Amino acid sequence: MKILYALVILILIIAGICTLLLTGKGDQDYRGAVKKNTKNLTLIYAVIITLSFIALGVYISYFV
């Protein structure tokens, strides 16, 4: 159970760091970069949600 808590915390930290890396830069051409940033963030969160469902499946299959 502790491993799953650690996995969730790790995923949250990675998602937070990736979000800060993508949005932390100042951009002179903000309107042009919005589309790229939105696409990147959507991809990151899609991967995170997929990994979360996999972790939930592992939890249900092995610990319930």
PDB file of N, CA and C in Angstrom:
ATOM      1  N   MET A   1       0.830  -1.187   0.000  1.00  0.00           N
ATOM      2  CA  MET A   1       0.000   0.000   0.000  1.00  0.00           C
ATOM      3  C   MET A   1       0.877   1.254   0.000  1.00  0.00           C
ATOM      4  N   LYS A   2       1.965   1.209   0.736  1.00  0.00           N
ATOM      5  CA  LYS A   2       2.863   2.361   0.790  1.00  0.00           C
ATOM      6  C   LYS A   2       3.511   2.619  -0.568  1.00  0.00           C
ATOM      7  N   ILE A   3       3.732   1.538  -1.316  1.00  0.00           N
ATOM      8  CA  ILE A   3       4.325   1.694  -2.642  1.00  0.00           C
ATOM      9  C   ILE A   3       3.380   2.475  -3.553  1.00  0.00           C
ATOM     10  N   LEU A   4       2.094   2.208  -3.452  1.00  0.00           N
ATOM     11  CA  LEU A   4       1.126   2.920  -4.286  1.00  0.00           C
ATOM     12  C   LEU A   4       1.027   4.384  -3.895  1.00  0.00           C
ATOM     13  N   TYR A   5       1.091   4.675  -2.597  1.00  0.00           N
ATOM     14  CA  TYR A   5       1.110   6.076  -2.168  1.00  0.00           C
ATOM     15  C   TYR A   5       2.331   6.785  -2.741  1.00  0.00           C
ATOM     16  N   ALA A   6       3.468   6.114  -2.687  1.00  0.00           N
ATOM     17  CA  ALA A   6       4.699   6.698  -3.224  1.00  0.00           C
ATOM     18  C   ALA A   6       4.580   6.901  -4.734  1.00  0.00           C
ATOM     19  N   LEU A   7       3.948   5.952  -5.436  1.00  0.00           N
ATOM     20  CA  LEU A   7       3.771   6.073  -6.873  1.00  0.00           C
ATOM     21  C   LEU A   7       2.884   7.266  -7.224  1.00  0.00           C
ATOM     22  N   VAL A   8       1.808   7.454  -6.499  1.00  0.00           N
ATOM     23  CA  VAL A   8       0.911   8.583  -6.740  1.00  0.00           C
ATOM     24  C   VAL A   8       1.638   9.900  -6.470  1.00  0.00           C
ATOM     25  N   ILE A   9       2.369   9.969  -5.386  1.00  0.00           N
ATOM     26  CA  ILE A   9       3.114  11.184  -5.057  1.00  0.00           C
ATOM     27  C   ILE A   9       4.170  11.462  -6.127  1.00  0.00           C
ATOM     28  N   LEU A  10       4.848  10.432  -6.590  1.00  0.00           N
ATOM     29  CA  LEU A  10       5.850  10.588  -7.636  1.00  0.00           C
ATOM     30  C   LEU A  10       5.225  11.110  -8.926  1.00  0.00           C
ATOM     31  N   ILE A  11       4.083  10.577  -9.296  1.00  0.00           N
ATOM     32  CA  ILE A  11       3.385  11.035 -10.498  1.00  0.00           C
ATOM     33  C   ILE A  11       2.989  12.493 -10.355  1.00  0.00           C
ATOM     34  N   LEU A  12       2.482  12.874  -9.193  1.00  0.00           N
ATOM     35  CA  LEU A  12       2.097  14.268  -8.970  1.00  0.00           C
ATOM     36  C   LEU A  12       3.297  15.202  -9.057  1.00  0.00           C
ATOM     37  N   ILE A  13       4.418  14.786  -8.501  1.00  0.00           N
ATOM     38  CA  ILE A  13       5.623  15.610  -8.546  1.00  0.00           C
ATOM     39  C   ILE A  13       6.102  15.769  -9.982  1.00  0.00           C
ATOM     40  N   ILE A  14       6.117  14.674 -10.742  1.00  0.00           N
ATOM     41  CA  ILE A  14       6.557  14.736 -12.132  1.00  0.00           C
ATOM     42  C   ILE A  14       5.637  15.641 -12.948  1.00  0.00           C
ATOM     43  N   ALA A  15       4.325  15.514 -12.748  1.00  0.00           N
ATOM     44  CA  ALA A  15       3.370  16.356 -13.473  1.00  0.00           C
ATOM     45  C   ALA A  15       3.561  17.825 -13.112  1.00  0.00           C
ATOM     46  N   GLY A  16       3.782  18.105 -11.841  1.00  0.00           N
ATOM     47  CA  GLY A  16       4.007  19.488 -11.415  1.00  0.00           C
ATOM     48  C   GLY A  16       5.273  20.070 -12.003  1.00  0.00           C
ATOM     49  N   ILE A  17       6.346  19.299 -12.002  1.00  0.00           N
ATOM     50  CA  ILE A  17       7.614  19.776 -12.557  1.00  0.00           C
ATOM     51  C   ILE A  17       7.488  20.010 -14.057  1.00  0.00           C
ATOM     52  N   CYS A  18       6.854  19.078 -14.763  1.00  0.00           N
ATOM     53  CA  CYS A  18       6.671  19.249 -16.208  1.00  0.00           C
ATOM     54  C   CYS A  18       5.824  20.480 -16.508  1.00  0.00           C
ATOM     55  N   THR A  19       4.801  20.696 -15.716  1.00  0.00           N
ATOM     56  CA  THR A  19       3.962  21.880 -15.909  1.00  0.00           C
ATOM     57  C   THR A  19       4.774  23.147 -15.699  1.00  0.00           C
ATOM     58  N   LEU A  20       5.575  23.188 -14.651  1.00  0.00           N
ATOM     59  CA  LEU A  20       6.396  24.375 -14.397  1.00  0.00           C
ATOM     60  C   LEU A  20       7.446  24.591 -15.481  1.00  0.00           C
ATOM     61  N   LEU A  21       8.010  23.509 -15.990  1.00  0.00           N
ATOM     62  CA  LEU A  21       9.002  23.649 -17.054  1.00  0.00           C
ATOM     63  C   LEU A  21       8.373  24.205 -18.330  1.00  0.00           C
ATOM     64  N   LEU A  22       7.149  23.800 -18.618  1.00  0.00           N
ATOM     65  CA  LEU A  22       6.497  24.272 -19.834  1.00  0.00           C
ATOM     66  C   LEU A  22       5.985  25.703 -19.702  1.00  0.00           C
ATOM     67  N   THR A  23       5.564  26.079 -18.516  1.00  0.00           N
ATOM     68  CA  THR A  23       4.966  27.405 -18.348  1.00  0.00           C
ATOM     69  C   THR A  23       5.911  28.401 -17.685  1.00  0.00           C
ATOM     70  N   GLY A  24       7.067  27.979 -17.239  1.00  0.00           N
ATOM     71  CA  GLY A  24       7.970  28.853 -16.515  1.00  0.00           C
ATOM     72  C   GLY A  24       8.705  29.859 -17.381  1.00  0.00           C
ATOM     73  N   LYS A  25       8.807  29.601 -18.664  1.00  0.00           N
ATOM     74  CA  LYS A  25       9.534  30.502 -19.552  1.00  0.00           C
ATOM     75  C   LYS A  25       8.646  31.674 -19.965  1.00  0.00           C
ATOM     76  N   GLY A  26       9.227  32.859 -19.981  1.00  0.00           N
ATOM     77  CA  GLY A  26       8.519  33.999 -20.526  1.00  0.00           C
ATOM     78  C   GLY A  26       8.531  33.902 -22.044  1.00  0.00           C
ATOM     79  N   ASP A  27       7.455  34.226 -22.664  1.00  0.00           N
ATOM     80  CA  ASP A  27       7.376  34.093 -24.111  1.00  0.00           C
ATOM     81  C   ASP A  27       6.874  35.386 -24.725  1.00  0.00           C
ATOM     82  N   GLN A  28       7.653  35.941 -25.642  1.00  0.00           N
ATOM     83  CA  GLN A  28       7.268  37.192 -26.297  1.00  0.00           C
ATOM     84  C   GLN A  28       6.087  36.981 -27.231  1.00  0.00           C
ATOM     85  N   ASP A  29       6.045  35.842 -27.880  1.00  0.00           N
ATOM     86  CA  ASP A  29       4.963  35.536 -28.812  1.00  0.00           C
ATOM     87  C   ASP A  29       3.990  34.580 -28.135  1.00  0.00           C
ATOM     88  N   TYR A  30       3.310  35.067 -27.120  1.00  0.00           N
ATOM     89  CA  TYR A  30       2.463  34.228 -26.276  1.00  0.00           C
ATOM     90  C   TYR A  30       1.357  33.544 -27.060  1.00  0.00           C
ATOM     91  N   ARG A  31       0.697  34.275 -27.926  1.00  0.00           N
ATOM     92  CA  ARG A  31      -0.439  33.705 -28.664  1.00  0.00           C
ATOM     93  C   ARG A  31      -0.002  32.528 -29.540  1.00  0.00           C
ATOM     94  N   GLY A  32       1.162  32.614 -30.122  1.00  0.00           N
ATOM     95  CA  GLY A  32       1.654  31.522 -30.962  1.00  0.00           C
ATOM     96  C   GLY A  32       2.047  30.305 -30.153  1.00  0.00           C
ATOM     97  N   ALA A  33       2.487  30.522 -28.926  1.00  0.00           N
ATOM     98  CA  ALA A  33       2.947  29.418 -28.093  1.00  0.00           C
ATOM     99  C   ALA A  33       1.817  28.740 -27.339  1.00  0.00           C
ATOM    100  N   VAL A  34       0.665  29.373 -27.261  1.00  0.00           N
ATOM    101  CA  VAL A  34      -0.448  28.812 -26.496  1.00  0.00           C
ATOM    102  C   VAL A  34      -0.853  27.451 -27.046  1.00  0.00           C
ATOM    103  N   LYS A  35      -0.925  27.338 -28.347  1.00  0.00           N
ATOM    104  CA  LYS A  35      -1.352  26.078 -28.962  1.00  0.00           C
ATOM    105  C   LYS A  35      -0.365  24.960 -28.624  1.00  0.00           C
ATOM    106  N   LYS A  36       0.914  25.250 -28.745  1.00  0.00           N
ATOM    107  CA  LYS A  36       1.932  24.235 -28.439  1.00  0.00           C
ATOM    108  C   LYS A  36       1.896  23.861 -26.961  1.00  0.00           C
ATOM    109  N   ASN A  37       1.810  24.849 -26.078  1.00  0.00           N
ATOM    110  CA  ASN A  37       1.772  24.576 -24.641  1.00  0.00           C
ATOM    111  C   ASN A  37       0.538  23.770 -24.265  1.00  0.00           C
ATOM    112  N   THR A  38      -0.590  24.110 -24.858  1.00  0.00           N
ATOM    113  CA  THR A  38      -1.816  23.380 -24.572  1.00  0.00           C
ATOM    114  C   THR A  38      -1.692  21.927 -25.019  1.00  0.00           C
ATOM    115  N   LYS A  39      -1.114  21.726 -26.196  1.00  0.00           N
ATOM    116  CA  LYS A  39      -0.919  20.365 -26.702  1.00  0.00           C
ATOM    117  C   LYS A  39       0.020  19.579 -25.782  1.00  0.00           C
ATOM    118  N   ASN A  40       1.110  20.205 -25.366  1.00  0.00           N
ATOM    119  CA  ASN A  40       2.066  19.526 -24.487  1.00  0.00           C
ATOM    120  C   ASN A  40       1.446  19.180 -23.138  1.00  0.00           C
ATOM    121  N   LEU A  41       0.726  20.112 -22.552  1.00  0.00           N
ATOM    122  CA  LEU A  41       0.100  19.846 -21.258  1.00  0.00           C
ATOM    123  C   LEU A  41      -0.973  18.766 -21.369  1.00  0.00           C
ATOM    124  N   THR A  42      -1.729  18.794 -22.448  1.00  0.00           N
ATOM    125  CA  THR A  42      -2.738  17.768 -22.664  1.00  0.00           C
ATOM    126  C   THR A  42      -2.087  16.397 -22.779  1.00  0.00           C
ATOM    127  N   LEU A  43      -0.989  16.318 -23.491  1.00  0.00           N
ATOM    128  CA  LEU A  43      -0.267  15.058 -23.626  1.00  0.00           C
ATOM    129  C   LEU A  43       0.265  14.580 -22.277  1.00  0.00           C
ATOM    130  N   ILE A  44       0.839  15.477 -21.504  1.00  0.00           N
ATOM    131  CA  ILE A  44       1.363  15.109 -20.191  1.00  0.00           C
ATOM    132  C   ILE A  44       0.254  14.568 -19.303  1.00  0.00           C
ATOM    133  N   TYR A  45      -0.861  15.282 -19.240  1.00  0.00           N
ATOM    134  CA  TYR A  45      -1.941  14.840 -18.369  1.00  0.00           C
ATOM    135  C   TYR A  45      -2.610  13.571 -18.885  1.00  0.00           C
ATOM    136  N   ALA A  46      -2.643  13.357 -20.186  1.00  0.00           N
ATOM    137  CA  ALA A  46      -3.190  12.111 -20.722  1.00  0.00           C
ATOM    138  C   ALA A  46      -2.318  10.930 -20.298  1.00  0.00           C
ATOM    139  N   VAL A  47      -1.007  11.116 -20.356  1.00  0.00           N
ATOM    140  CA  VAL A  47      -0.092  10.055 -19.926  1.00  0.00           C
ATOM    141  C   VAL A  47      -0.247   9.795 -18.427  1.00  0.00           C
ATOM    142  N   ILE A  48      -0.349  10.846 -17.644  1.00  0.00           N
ATOM    143  CA  ILE A  48      -0.487  10.702 -16.193  1.00  0.00           C
ATOM    144  C   ILE A  48      -1.787   9.991 -15.841  1.00  0.00           C
ATOM    145  N   ILE A  49      -2.869  10.358 -16.502  1.00  0.00           N
ATOM    146  CA  ILE A  49      -4.151   9.708 -16.224  1.00  0.00           C
ATOM    147  C   ILE A  49      -4.082   8.235 -16.605  1.00  0.00           C
ATOM    148  N   THR A  50      -3.461   7.923 -17.742  1.00  0.00           N
ATOM    149  CA  THR A  50      -3.310   6.531 -18.158  1.00  0.00           C
ATOM    150  C   THR A  50      -2.503   5.743 -17.132  1.00  0.00           C
ATOM    151  N   LEU A  51      -1.384   6.310 -16.676  1.00  0.00           N
ATOM    152  CA  LEU A  51      -0.573   5.633 -15.663  1.00  0.00           C
ATOM    153  C   LEU A  51      -1.342   5.469 -14.354  1.00  0.00           C
ATOM    154  N   SER A  52      -2.168   6.424 -14.019  1.00  0.00           N
ATOM    155  CA  SER A  52      -2.970   6.327 -12.802  1.00  0.00           C
ATOM    156  C   SER A  52      -3.972   5.185 -12.897  1.00  0.00           C
ATOM    157  N   PHE A  53      -4.598   5.038 -14.065  1.00  0.00           N
ATOM    158  CA  PHE A  53      -5.533   3.922 -14.251  1.00  0.00           C
ATOM    159  C   PHE A  53      -4.809   2.583 -14.195  1.00  0.00           C
ATOM    160  N   ILE A  54      -3.611   2.514 -14.742  1.00  0.00           N
ATOM    161  CA  ILE A  54      -2.818   1.285 -14.662  1.00  0.00           C
ATOM    162  C   ILE A  54      -2.485   0.977 -13.212  1.00  0.00           C
ATOM    163  N   ALA A  55      -2.078   2.003 -12.458  1.00  0.00           N
ATOM    164  CA  ALA A  55      -1.762   1.799 -11.039  1.00  0.00           C
ATOM    165  C   ALA A  55      -3.009   1.356 -10.280  1.00  0.00           C
ATOM    166  N   LEU A  56      -4.159   1.910 -10.596  1.00  0.00           N
ATOM    167  CA  LEU A  56      -5.405   1.500  -9.961  1.00  0.00           C
ATOM    168  C   LEU A  56      -5.719   0.051 -10.292  1.00  0.00           C
ATOM    169  N   GLY A  57      -5.526  -0.337 -11.547  1.00  0.00           N
ATOM    170  CA  GLY A  57      -5.754  -1.728 -11.944  1.00  0.00           C
ATOM    171  C   GLY A  57      -4.837  -2.688 -11.213  1.00  0.00           C
ATOM    172  N   VAL A  58      -3.563  -2.309 -11.077  1.00  0.00           N
ATOM    173  CA  VAL A  58      -2.615  -3.146 -10.334  1.00  0.00           C
ATOM    174  C   VAL A  58      -3.045  -3.266  -8.882  1.00  0.00           C
ATOM    175  N   TYR A  59      -3.455  -2.168  -8.313  1.00  0.00           N
ATOM    176  CA  TYR A  59      -3.909  -2.176  -6.927  1.00  0.00           C
ATOM    177  C   TYR A  59      -5.115  -3.101  -6.745  1.00  0.00           C
ATOM    178  N   ILE A  60      -6.085  -2.966  -7.623  1.00  0.00           N
ATOM    179  CA  ILE A  60      -7.292  -3.784  -7.500  1.00  0.00           C
ATOM    180  C   ILE A  60      -6.969  -5.257  -7.708  1.00  0.00           C
ATOM    181  N   SER A  61      -6.116  -5.580  -8.671  1.00  0.00           N
ATOM    182  CA  SER A  61      -5.838  -6.978  -8.967  1.00  0.00           C
ATOM    183  C   SER A  61      -4.968  -7.654  -7.914  1.00  0.00           C
ATOM    184  N   TYR A  62      -4.085  -6.918  -7.268  1.00  0.00           N
ATOM    185  CA  TYR A  62      -3.171  -7.531  -6.313  1.00  0.00           C
ATOM    186  C   TYR A  62      -3.520  -7.313  -4.852  1.00  0.00           C
ATOM    187  N   PHE A  63      -4.241  -6.277  -4.523  1.00  0.00           N
ATOM    188  CA  PHE A  63      -4.447  -5.938  -3.122  1.00  0.00           C
ATOM    189  C   PHE A  63      -5.898  -5.998  -2.652  1.00  0.00           C
ATOM    190  N   VAL A  64      -6.819  -6.258  -3.551  1.00  0.00           N
ATOM    191  CA  VAL A  64      -8.230  -6.313  -3.133  1.00  0.00           C
ATOM    192  C   VAL A  64      -8.721  -7.715  -3.225  1.00  0.00           C
TER     193      VAL A  64
END
